[in-house]
Amino acid sequence: MAPPDVVATGTPGGVGIGMNPQRFLTPGDEAEVEIEGIGVLRNPIVARDQIDT
């Protein structure tokens, strides 16, 4: 990979809207994506009122 390559992942199996009951990210959760050889990106999920604008 090299800049400006784009990594398109699609929707993984087990996506929340397809679960029964449905499950969505909530404040306190963390979204993590890892690409071998590049690294890990972690994003905390926060409530809208916790965002400084």
C-alpha atoms as a PDB file:
ATOM      1  CA  MET A   1       0.000   0.000   0.000  1.00  0.00           C
ATOM      2  CA  ALA A   2       1.040   3.562  -0.643  1.00  0.00           C
ATOM      3  CA  PRO A   3      -0.551   6.994  -0.357  1.00  0.00           C
ATOM      4  CA  PRO A   4      -3.266   7.699  -1.566  1.00  0.00           C
ATOM      5  CA  ASP A   5      -4.480   4.059  -1.554  1.00  0.00           C
ATOM      6  CA  VAL A   6      -7.976   3.513  -0.172  1.00  0.00           C
ATOM      7  CA  VAL A   7      -8.929   0.491   1.924  1.00  0.00           C
ATOM      8  CA  ALA A   8     -12.561  -0.495   1.334  1.00  0.00           C
ATOM      9  CA  THR A   9     -13.762  -3.057   3.875  1.00  0.00           C
ATOM     10  CA  GLY A  10     -17.489  -3.337   3.222  1.00  0.00           C
ATOM     11  CA  THR A  11     -19.802  -4.460   6.006  1.00  0.00           C
ATOM     12  CA  PRO A  12     -18.533  -7.300   8.179  1.00  0.00           C
ATOM     13  CA  GLY A  13     -20.651 -10.249   9.233  1.00  0.00           C
ATOM     14  CA  GLY A  14     -22.498  -9.682  12.481  1.00  0.00           C
ATOM     15  CA  VAL A  15     -23.377  -6.078  11.711  1.00  0.00           C
ATOM     16  CA  GLY A  16     -25.609  -4.690  14.486  1.00  0.00           C
ATOM     17  CA  ILE A  17     -28.745  -3.877  12.488  1.00  0.00           C
ATOM     18  CA  GLY A  18     -28.976  -7.499  11.326  1.00  0.00           C
ATOM     19  CA  MET A  19     -28.803  -8.940  14.843  1.00  0.00           C
ATOM     20  CA  ASN A  20     -31.837  -9.952  16.846  1.00  0.00           C
ATOM     21  CA  PRO A  21     -32.099  -7.916  19.005  1.00  0.00           C
ATOM     22  CA  GLN A  22     -30.363  -5.130  17.084  1.00  0.00           C
ATOM     23  CA  ARG A  23     -27.152  -3.835  18.661  1.00  0.00           C
ATOM     24  CA  PHE A  24     -25.549  -0.448  18.044  1.00  0.00           C
ATOM     25  CA  LEU A  25     -22.461   1.367  19.303  1.00  0.00           C
ATOM     26  CA  THR A  26     -23.055   3.344  22.476  1.00  0.00           C
ATOM     27  CA  PRO A  27     -20.964   5.833  24.451  1.00  0.00           C
ATOM     28  CA  GLY A  28     -18.130   4.006  26.160  1.00  0.00           C
ATOM     29  CA  ASP A  29     -17.685   1.505  23.304  1.00  0.00           C
ATOM     30  CA  GLU A  30     -14.554   1.603  21.160  1.00  0.00           C
ATOM     31  CA  ALA A  31     -14.306   0.976  17.410  1.00  0.00           C
ATOM     32  CA  GLU A  32     -11.015  -0.646  16.421  1.00  0.00           C
ATOM     33  CA  VAL A  33      -9.637  -1.362  12.954  1.00  0.00           C
ATOM     34  CA  GLU A  34      -6.311  -3.079  12.326  1.00  0.00           C
ATOM     35  CA  ILE A  35      -4.486  -3.386   9.029  1.00  0.00           C
ATOM     36  CA  GLU A  36      -1.530  -5.757   9.158  1.00  0.00           C
ATOM     37  CA  GLY A  37       1.697  -3.951   8.413  1.00  0.00           C
ATOM     38  CA  ILE A  38       0.115  -0.521   8.912  1.00  0.00           C
ATOM     39  CA  GLY A  39      -1.234  -0.391  12.433  1.00  0.00           C
ATOM     40  CA  VAL A  40      -4.328  -0.014  14.591  1.00  0.00           C
ATOM     41  CA  LEU A  41      -6.877   2.820  14.629  1.00  0.00           C
ATOM     42  CA  ARG A  42      -9.019   3.097  17.775  1.00  0.00           C
ATOM     43  CA  ASN A  43     -11.928   5.512  18.114  1.00  0.00           C
ATOM     44  CA  PRO A  44     -13.886   5.926  21.351  1.00  0.00           C
ATOM     45  CA  ILE A  45     -17.642   6.274  20.984  1.00  0.00           C
ATOM     46  CA  VAL A  46     -18.910   9.366  22.803  1.00  0.00           C
ATOM     47  CA  ALA A  47     -22.319  10.996  23.195  1.00  0.00           C
ATOM     48  CA  ARG A  48     -23.012  13.990  20.985  1.00  0.00           C
ATOM     49  CA  ASP A  49     -23.141  16.282  24.042  1.00  0.00           C
ATOM     50  CA  GLN A  50     -19.581  15.195  24.975  1.00  0.00           C
ATOM     51  CA  ILE A  51     -18.112  16.638  21.766  1.00  0.00           C
ATOM     52  CA  ASP A  52     -16.388  20.027  22.036  1.00  0.00           C
ATOM     53  CA  THR A  53     -17.251  22.218  19.065  1.00  0.00           C
END
